[in-house]
Amino acid sequence: MTAEFSTLAEFRALLAEAPGADARALGEAEDRNAQLTKPPGALGRLEEMAVWYAGWRGTARPEIAAPQVIVFAGNHGVTAQGVSAFPAEVTEQMVLNFQHGGAAINQLSKAAGARLDVHALSLETPTADFTTAPAMDEAGVVAALATGWAAVDETSDLLVVGEMGIGNTTSAAAIAHALFSGAAEDWVGRGTGVDDAGLALKARVVRDGVALHGGGDGLATLQALGGRELAAMAGAIARARALRIPVILDGFICTAAAATLEAARPGALDHAIAGHVSAEGAHAALLEKLGKAPVLSLGMRLGEGSGGTLAINILKSAVACHSGMATFAEAGVSDA
C-alpha cells in the first residue's frame, strides 16, 4: 500500500494517533488465564505474553497463523571511517544470499512457519557519513520509513523485522548515545568483529556524530544518525501498531531503530516485546532503557532478525497454551 505520510510531521501525527490494545479482549484474556487447568502463574512469562498478544489481536482466544519476517538492507557512508571489519559490498552479497535461501534467517523463518520478505534500499548509494553531514535528508528518511510501512502484510498476525548493513552497529550506537546519553564507549560494540583499535575508532566516530547532530527528537535522530534499513524497520514497526499487529524486536540495531519511535512518542512500542538479548554489549542496556525484558538469551549477535524470529515459536507456544488449554470447568477438574 501507499504510505499515509509524506513528511516527518505527518509520520509523527500517525504515531500520535496509533491505537492501543483492546481493553475488553485484554480483560477477557486475563479472566480466561485465571481459569485454565494450572496453578496461577505456573507458566510464568508465557501467561503474560499470551494475554499481551490477545489484547493486541482483539480476542481472548487468539492464534498465531501468519507471522511475517522482513529483512531490510542498507549501506552506510560512515563506513568510510573504517568502523567495520567487512567491506560495504558484503551487504549486497548477503541480500543475494537471503534471496537464494542460504542465510540463517531463511532457516529460522521456515522453522517458525513465517513468511520472509527482503527489501534492499538503494544499496548503490550509501547514506552520508554522519560525522560530516546528516545521514539522510528529510525526503530520504521519509522514503525509507515509507518502504517499511508498505512492506507489512496487513493479513499477518505477528511481525519481526531484521536488517543487513555493514556499518549499522555504529549507526545504532550513535542513535542510542544520542537518545540516552552516557559515554560513547557505553554504546559501541565489536559488531562484525573489530579489534580494540577499531572499537576505539567506533567510539570516536559515534561521539563526533552525536556532537554534530544531537539534540533532536527520536525521528530527527533517526534522520541524522540512522540508515535506510533502520528507518525502514521503524516504519514497519509503526505500521504494525496501526494494524494492531504485535511485534517481536530483534537485536541491538533493531532495538535502536525502535527506540527512535519511543523517543518520538512514549508508548509507541507497547505492541512490541524483545525477542532476545544479543551478545552486542550495549543491547541489554538499551532494552533496560526501554523497559523490555528479553524472551531469550543465547549469546547471538547475527542480526537479520534471527533472535526475534527464534522467539516466534516461544510466543506461539504461549498462545497455544492460553487458547487451547481447557478451563477447570471444561475439564471437570476441581479448582482450589
Protein backbone atom coordinates (compact mmCIF):
# COMPACT_ATOMS: atom_id res chain seq x y z
CA MET A 1 0.00 0.00 0.00
CA THR A 2 0.99 3.62 -0.36
CA ALA A 3 2.27 5.21 2.83
CA GLU A 4 -0.08 7.66 4.51
CA PHE A 5 2.60 10.29 5.08
CA SER A 6 5.00 12.37 3.01
CA THR A 7 6.76 14.35 5.75
CA LEU A 8 8.17 13.61 9.19
CA ALA A 9 5.46 15.81 10.69
CA GLU A 10 2.78 13.62 9.13
CA PHE A 11 4.55 10.49 10.36
CA ARG A 12 4.70 11.94 13.89
CA ALA A 13 0.95 12.56 13.67
CA LEU A 14 0.35 8.92 12.77
CA LEU A 15 2.37 7.84 15.80
CA ALA A 16 0.20 10.07 17.97
CA GLU A 17 -2.98 8.58 16.52
CA ALA A 18 -1.91 4.93 16.80
CA PRO A 19 -4.43 2.66 18.53
CA GLY A 20 -3.86 0.90 21.82
CA ALA A 21 -4.62 -2.64 22.84
CA ASP A 22 -8.26 -3.79 23.02
CA ALA A 23 -9.17 -3.37 26.70
CA ARG A 24 -12.12 -5.79 26.56
CA ALA A 25 -10.07 -8.55 24.93
CA LEU A 26 -7.29 -7.94 27.42
CA GLY A 27 -9.67 -8.33 30.36
CA GLU A 28 -11.31 -11.43 28.90
CA ALA A 29 -7.90 -12.99 28.26
CA GLU A 30 -6.86 -12.32 31.85
CA ASP A 31 -10.09 -13.93 33.06
CA ARG A 32 -9.52 -16.95 30.84
CA ASN A 33 -5.94 -17.34 32.03
CA ALA A 34 -7.17 -17.44 35.63
CA GLN A 35 -9.50 -20.36 34.81
CA LEU A 36 -7.06 -22.63 32.93
CA THR A 37 -6.09 -26.02 34.33
CA LYS A 38 -2.87 -24.99 36.03
CA PRO A 39 -1.84 -23.29 39.25
CA PRO A 40 -1.86 -19.48 38.95
CA GLY A 41 1.38 -18.29 37.35
CA ALA A 42 2.64 -21.82 36.67
CA LEU A 43 3.52 -20.97 33.07
CA GLY A 44 5.47 -17.90 34.11
CA ARG A 45 6.06 -15.30 31.41
CA LEU A 46 4.19 -17.41 28.87
CA GLU A 47 0.97 -16.33 30.56
CA GLU A 48 1.90 -12.66 30.44
CA MET A 49 2.93 -12.90 26.78
CA ALA A 50 -0.28 -14.67 25.75
CA VAL A 51 -2.51 -12.12 27.47
CA TRP A 52 -0.49 -9.27 25.92
CA TYR A 53 -0.86 -10.83 22.48
CA ALA A 54 -4.61 -11.35 22.95
CA GLY A 55 -5.09 -7.71 23.85
CA TRP A 56 -3.46 -6.51 20.65
CA ARG A 57 -5.31 -9.01 18.47
CA GLY A 58 -8.68 -8.17 20.00
CA THR A 59 -9.72 -11.67 21.05
CA ALA A 60 -9.47 -13.63 24.29
CA ARG A 61 -8.51 -16.83 22.42
CA PRO A 62 -6.10 -15.80 19.66
CA GLU A 63 -3.88 -17.91 17.44
CA ILE A 64 -0.72 -17.15 15.50
CA ALA A 65 -1.17 -18.40 11.96
CA ALA A 66 0.56 -15.88 9.68
CA PRO A 67 3.79 -14.42 11.09
CA GLN A 68 5.87 -12.21 8.82
CA VAL A 69 9.62 -11.59 8.94
CA ILE A 70 11.04 -8.66 6.97
CA VAL A 71 14.74 -8.02 6.45
CA PHE A 72 15.77 -4.55 5.28
CA ALA A 73 19.23 -3.83 3.89
CA GLY A 74 21.08 -0.54 3.53
CA ASN A 75 24.60 0.82 3.14
CA HIS A 76 26.22 3.44 5.37
CA GLY A 77 28.53 6.26 4.38
CA VAL A 78 30.11 6.17 7.82
CA THR A 79 31.97 3.00 6.78
CA ALA A 80 34.42 5.38 5.10
CA GLN A 81 35.71 5.97 8.65
CA GLY A 82 36.85 2.34 8.87
CA VAL A 83 34.34 1.26 11.51
CA SER A 84 33.64 -2.24 10.13
CA ALA A 85 35.75 -5.36 9.71
CA PHE A 86 33.93 -6.10 6.44
CA PRO A 87 33.63 -4.06 3.21
CA ALA A 88 30.33 -2.46 2.20
CA GLU A 89 29.83 -4.83 -0.74
CA VAL A 90 29.05 -7.61 1.74
CA THR A 91 25.61 -6.03 2.23
CA GLU A 92 24.57 -6.74 -1.35
CA GLN A 93 26.17 -10.18 -1.28
CA MET A 94 24.19 -11.10 1.80
CA VAL A 95 20.96 -9.81 0.25
CA LEU A 96 21.53 -12.28 -2.59
CA ASN A 97 22.10 -14.99 -0.01
CA PHE A 98 18.77 -14.13 1.65
CA GLN A 99 17.03 -14.21 -1.70
CA HIS A 100 18.55 -17.60 -2.53
CA GLY A 101 17.55 -19.07 0.82
CA GLY A 102 21.05 -19.60 2.15
CA ALA A 103 21.14 -17.47 5.32
CA ALA A 104 20.32 -18.29 8.91
CA ILE A 105 17.18 -16.15 8.76
CA ASN A 106 15.83 -18.28 5.92
CA GLN A 107 16.11 -21.42 8.05
CA LEU A 108 14.72 -19.80 11.19
CA SER A 109 11.77 -18.34 9.29
CA LYS A 110 10.94 -21.77 7.88
CA ALA A 111 11.16 -23.33 11.32
CA ALA A 112 8.78 -20.68 12.68
CA GLY A 113 6.32 -21.03 9.80
CA ALA A 114 6.90 -17.39 8.89
CA ARG A 115 6.81 -15.61 5.56
CA LEU A 116 10.15 -13.95 4.82
CA ASP A 117 10.46 -10.78 2.73
CA VAL A 118 13.69 -8.96 1.85
CA HIS A 119 13.96 -5.30 0.84
CA ALA A 120 17.21 -3.70 -0.29
CA LEU A 121 17.20 0.10 -0.05
CA SER A 122 19.40 1.93 -2.58
CA LEU A 123 22.49 -0.14 -1.83
CA GLU A 124 24.36 1.57 -4.65
CA THR A 125 24.02 4.91 -2.84
CA PRO A 126 25.16 4.78 0.79
CA THR A 127 23.83 7.29 3.27
CA ALA A 128 26.05 10.26 4.06
CA ASP A 129 28.89 9.94 6.57
CA PHE A 130 27.14 11.23 9.69
CA THR A 131 30.37 12.67 11.09
CA THR A 132 30.22 15.33 8.37
CA ALA A 133 26.50 15.64 7.46
CA PRO A 134 23.12 14.16 8.37
CA ALA A 135 22.91 10.56 7.19
CA MET A 136 19.70 11.36 5.30
CA ASP A 137 17.75 14.43 4.37
CA GLU A 138 14.06 14.54 5.29
CA ALA A 139 12.94 13.17 1.92
CA GLY A 140 15.38 10.28 2.29
CA VAL A 141 14.32 9.23 5.77
CA VAL A 142 10.63 9.58 4.86
CA ALA A 143 11.16 7.36 1.80
CA ALA A 144 12.82 4.70 3.96
CA LEU A 145 10.08 4.91 6.60
CA ALA A 146 7.53 4.53 3.80
CA THR A 147 9.30 1.43 2.46
CA GLY A 148 8.97 -0.19 5.86
CA TRP A 149 5.38 0.94 6.27
CA ALA A 150 4.37 -0.54 2.91
CA ALA A 151 6.26 -3.81 3.48
CA VAL A 152 3.95 -5.00 6.27
CA ASP A 153 1.36 -7.55 5.15
CA GLU A 154 -1.98 -6.40 6.54
CA THR A 155 -3.09 -10.03 6.90
CA SER A 156 -0.15 -11.05 9.09
CA ASP A 157 -0.69 -11.57 12.80
CA LEU A 158 2.88 -11.14 14.08
CA LEU A 159 5.87 -9.17 12.81
CA VAL A 160 9.63 -9.49 13.16
CA VAL A 161 11.92 -7.01 11.43
CA GLY A 162 15.63 -7.50 10.86
CA GLU A 163 18.45 -5.85 8.99
CA MET A 164 21.61 -6.21 6.99
CA GLY A 165 24.01 -3.31 6.56
CA ILE A 166 27.75 -3.10 7.00
CA GLY A 167 28.40 -0.28 9.48
CA ASN A 168 24.97 -0.33 11.07
CA THR A 169 26.13 -1.18 14.59
CA THR A 170 27.93 2.18 14.52
CA SER A 171 24.72 3.88 13.43
CA ALA A 172 22.73 2.09 16.14
CA ALA A 173 25.28 3.03 18.79
CA ALA A 174 25.13 6.67 17.74
CA ILE A 175 21.34 6.65 17.99
CA ALA A 176 21.47 5.07 21.46
CA HIS A 177 24.11 7.57 22.60
CA ALA A 178 22.06 10.49 21.27
CA LEU A 179 18.83 9.28 22.89
CA PHE A 180 20.15 8.04 26.23
CA SER A 181 23.41 9.95 26.81
CA GLY A 182 26.22 8.27 28.74
CA ALA A 183 29.62 7.89 27.13
CA ALA A 184 30.06 6.83 23.53
CA GLU A 185 32.06 3.86 24.81
CA ASP A 186 28.95 2.65 26.67
CA TRP A 187 27.13 2.05 23.41
CA VAL A 188 29.69 0.73 20.93
CA GLY A 189 30.48 -2.95 20.48
CA ARG A 190 32.58 -5.10 18.20
CA GLY A 191 29.83 -5.53 15.60
CA THR A 192 31.27 -7.67 12.80
CA GLY A 193 34.40 -8.26 14.86
CA VAL A 194 36.58 -5.15 15.05
CA ASP A 195 39.68 -5.25 17.25
CA ASP A 196 40.44 -2.94 20.19
CA ALA A 197 41.69 -0.18 17.92
CA GLY A 198 38.57 -0.49 15.82
CA LEU A 199 36.41 -0.32 18.94
CA ALA A 200 38.11 2.92 20.00
CA LEU A 201 37.62 4.29 16.49
CA LYS A 202 33.91 3.45 16.58
CA ALA A 203 33.56 5.29 19.89
CA ARG A 204 35.22 8.38 18.44
CA VAL A 205 33.01 8.26 15.34
CA VAL A 206 29.88 7.90 17.48
CA ARG A 207 30.97 10.74 19.75
CA ASP A 208 31.69 13.01 16.78
CA GLY A 209 28.38 12.23 15.10
CA VAL A 210 26.32 12.89 18.22
CA ALA A 211 28.24 16.09 18.93
CA LEU A 212 27.38 17.29 15.44
CA HIS A 213 23.71 16.25 15.34
CA GLY A 214 22.50 15.66 18.92
CA GLY A 215 19.52 17.41 20.42
CA GLY A 216 16.61 16.47 18.16
CA ASP A 217 13.71 14.14 18.90
CA GLY A 218 13.71 10.46 18.03
CA LEU A 219 12.85 10.90 14.37
CA ALA A 220 15.34 13.72 13.89
CA THR A 221 17.95 11.44 15.44
CA LEU A 222 16.98 8.66 13.06
CA GLN A 223 17.40 11.02 10.12
CA ALA A 224 20.77 12.37 11.27
CA LEU A 225 22.44 9.20 12.52
CA GLY A 226 20.47 6.26 11.16
CA GLY A 227 20.46 4.30 7.95
CA ARG A 228 17.79 3.47 5.44
CA GLU A 229 17.35 -0.04 6.86
CA LEU A 230 16.93 1.33 10.40
CA ALA A 231 14.33 3.81 9.18
CA ALA A 232 12.52 1.06 7.27
CA MET A 233 12.40 -1.08 10.41
CA ALA A 234 10.93 1.88 12.30
CA GLY A 235 8.35 2.40 9.57
CA ALA A 236 7.33 -1.26 9.65
CA ILE A 237 7.04 -1.29 13.44
CA ALA A 238 4.84 1.81 13.28
CA ARG A 239 2.65 0.28 10.58
CA ALA A 240 2.22 -2.85 12.68
CA ARG A 241 1.00 -0.68 15.55
CA ALA A 242 -1.55 0.99 13.26
CA LEU A 243 -2.82 -2.51 12.35
CA ARG A 244 -2.60 -3.87 15.93
CA ILE A 245 -0.09 -6.48 14.79
CA PRO A 246 2.22 -7.44 17.67
CA VAL A 247 5.96 -7.13 17.06
CA ILE A 248 8.93 -9.14 18.32
CA LEU A 249 12.04 -6.96 18.37
CA ASP A 250 15.35 -8.42 17.26
CA GLY A 251 18.82 -7.32 18.41
CA PHE A 252 20.72 -4.13 19.09
CA ILE A 253 20.22 -2.50 15.70
CA CYS A 254 16.50 -3.25 15.52
CA THR A 255 16.06 -2.08 19.10
CA ALA A 256 17.89 1.19 18.38
CA ALA A 257 15.62 1.80 15.39
CA ALA A 258 12.57 1.07 17.53
CA ALA A 259 13.85 3.38 20.27
CA THR A 260 13.52 6.35 17.93
CA LEU A 261 9.76 5.72 17.84
CA GLU A 262 9.52 5.51 21.63
CA ALA A 263 11.54 8.72 21.93
CA ALA A 264 9.21 10.44 19.48
CA ARG A 265 6.05 9.11 21.12
CA PRO A 266 6.18 7.44 24.57
CA GLY A 267 4.22 4.19 24.45
CA ALA A 268 4.89 3.69 20.73
CA LEU A 269 6.40 0.26 21.49
CA ASP A 270 3.64 -1.09 23.74
CA HIS A 271 2.81 -3.59 20.98
CA ALA A 272 6.39 -4.92 20.95
CA ILE A 273 8.33 -7.39 23.06
CA ALA A 274 12.06 -8.13 22.97
CA GLY A 275 12.79 -11.45 21.32
CA HIS A 276 16.25 -11.80 22.78
CA VAL A 277 19.22 -10.02 24.29
CA SER A 278 22.20 -10.23 21.99
CA ALA A 279 25.90 -10.52 22.71
CA GLU A 280 26.41 -6.98 21.36
CA GLY A 281 27.41 -5.35 24.62
CA ALA A 282 25.01 -2.41 24.75
CA HIS A 283 21.85 -4.31 23.80
CA ALA A 284 20.98 -5.22 27.39
CA ALA A 285 21.35 -1.60 28.47
CA LEU A 286 19.18 -0.42 25.59
CA LEU A 287 16.45 -2.92 26.45
CA GLU A 288 16.58 -1.74 30.05
CA LYS A 289 16.12 1.86 28.94
CA LEU A 290 13.02 0.77 27.00
CA GLY A 291 11.69 -1.43 29.81
CA LYS A 292 11.78 -4.57 27.65
CA ALA A 293 12.68 -7.94 29.22
CA PRO A 294 14.12 -10.31 26.61
CA VAL A 295 12.47 -13.65 25.95
CA LEU A 296 15.74 -15.41 25.07
CA SER A 297 19.42 -15.02 25.93
CA LEU A 298 21.51 -17.29 23.73
CA GLY A 299 24.64 -15.28 23.03
CA MET A 300 23.52 -14.47 19.48
CA ARG A 301 24.79 -11.43 17.57
CA LEU A 302 23.93 -12.15 13.95
CA GLY A 303 21.19 -9.65 13.22
CA GLU A 304 18.99 -10.47 10.21
CA GLY A 305 16.00 -10.71 12.55
CA SER A 306 17.39 -14.05 13.75
CA GLY A 307 16.81 -13.68 17.50
CA GLY A 308 13.35 -12.21 17.06
CA THR A 309 12.38 -14.98 14.64
CA LEU A 310 13.65 -17.66 17.01
CA ALA A 311 11.30 -16.24 19.64
CA ILE A 312 8.26 -16.67 17.39
CA ASN A 313 7.90 -20.30 18.45
CA ILE A 314 8.07 -19.30 22.12
CA LEU A 315 5.21 -16.85 21.61
CA LYS A 316 3.32 -19.41 19.53
CA SER A 317 3.64 -21.88 22.41
CA ALA A 318 2.40 -19.28 24.89
CA VAL A 319 -0.64 -18.50 22.74
CA ALA A 320 -1.33 -22.19 22.05
CA CYS A 321 -1.43 -22.96 25.76
CA HIS A 322 -3.61 -19.95 26.51
CA SER A 323 -6.13 -20.61 23.74
CA GLY A 324 -6.05 -24.40 23.64
CA MET A 325 -5.98 -25.47 27.28
CA ALA A 326 -9.21 -26.42 28.98
CA THR A 327 -10.62 -24.44 31.88
CA PHE A 328 -11.21 -26.18 35.20
CA ALA A 329 -14.92 -26.28 34.42
CA GLU A 330 -14.43 -27.71 30.92
CA ALA A 331 -12.08 -30.39 32.16
CA GLY A 332 -14.13 -31.30 35.22
CA VAL A 333 -11.16 -30.60 37.46
CA SER A 334 -11.67 -29.16 40.92
CA ASP A 335 -10.46 -25.56 41.23
CA ALA A 336 -8.92 -24.97 44.62
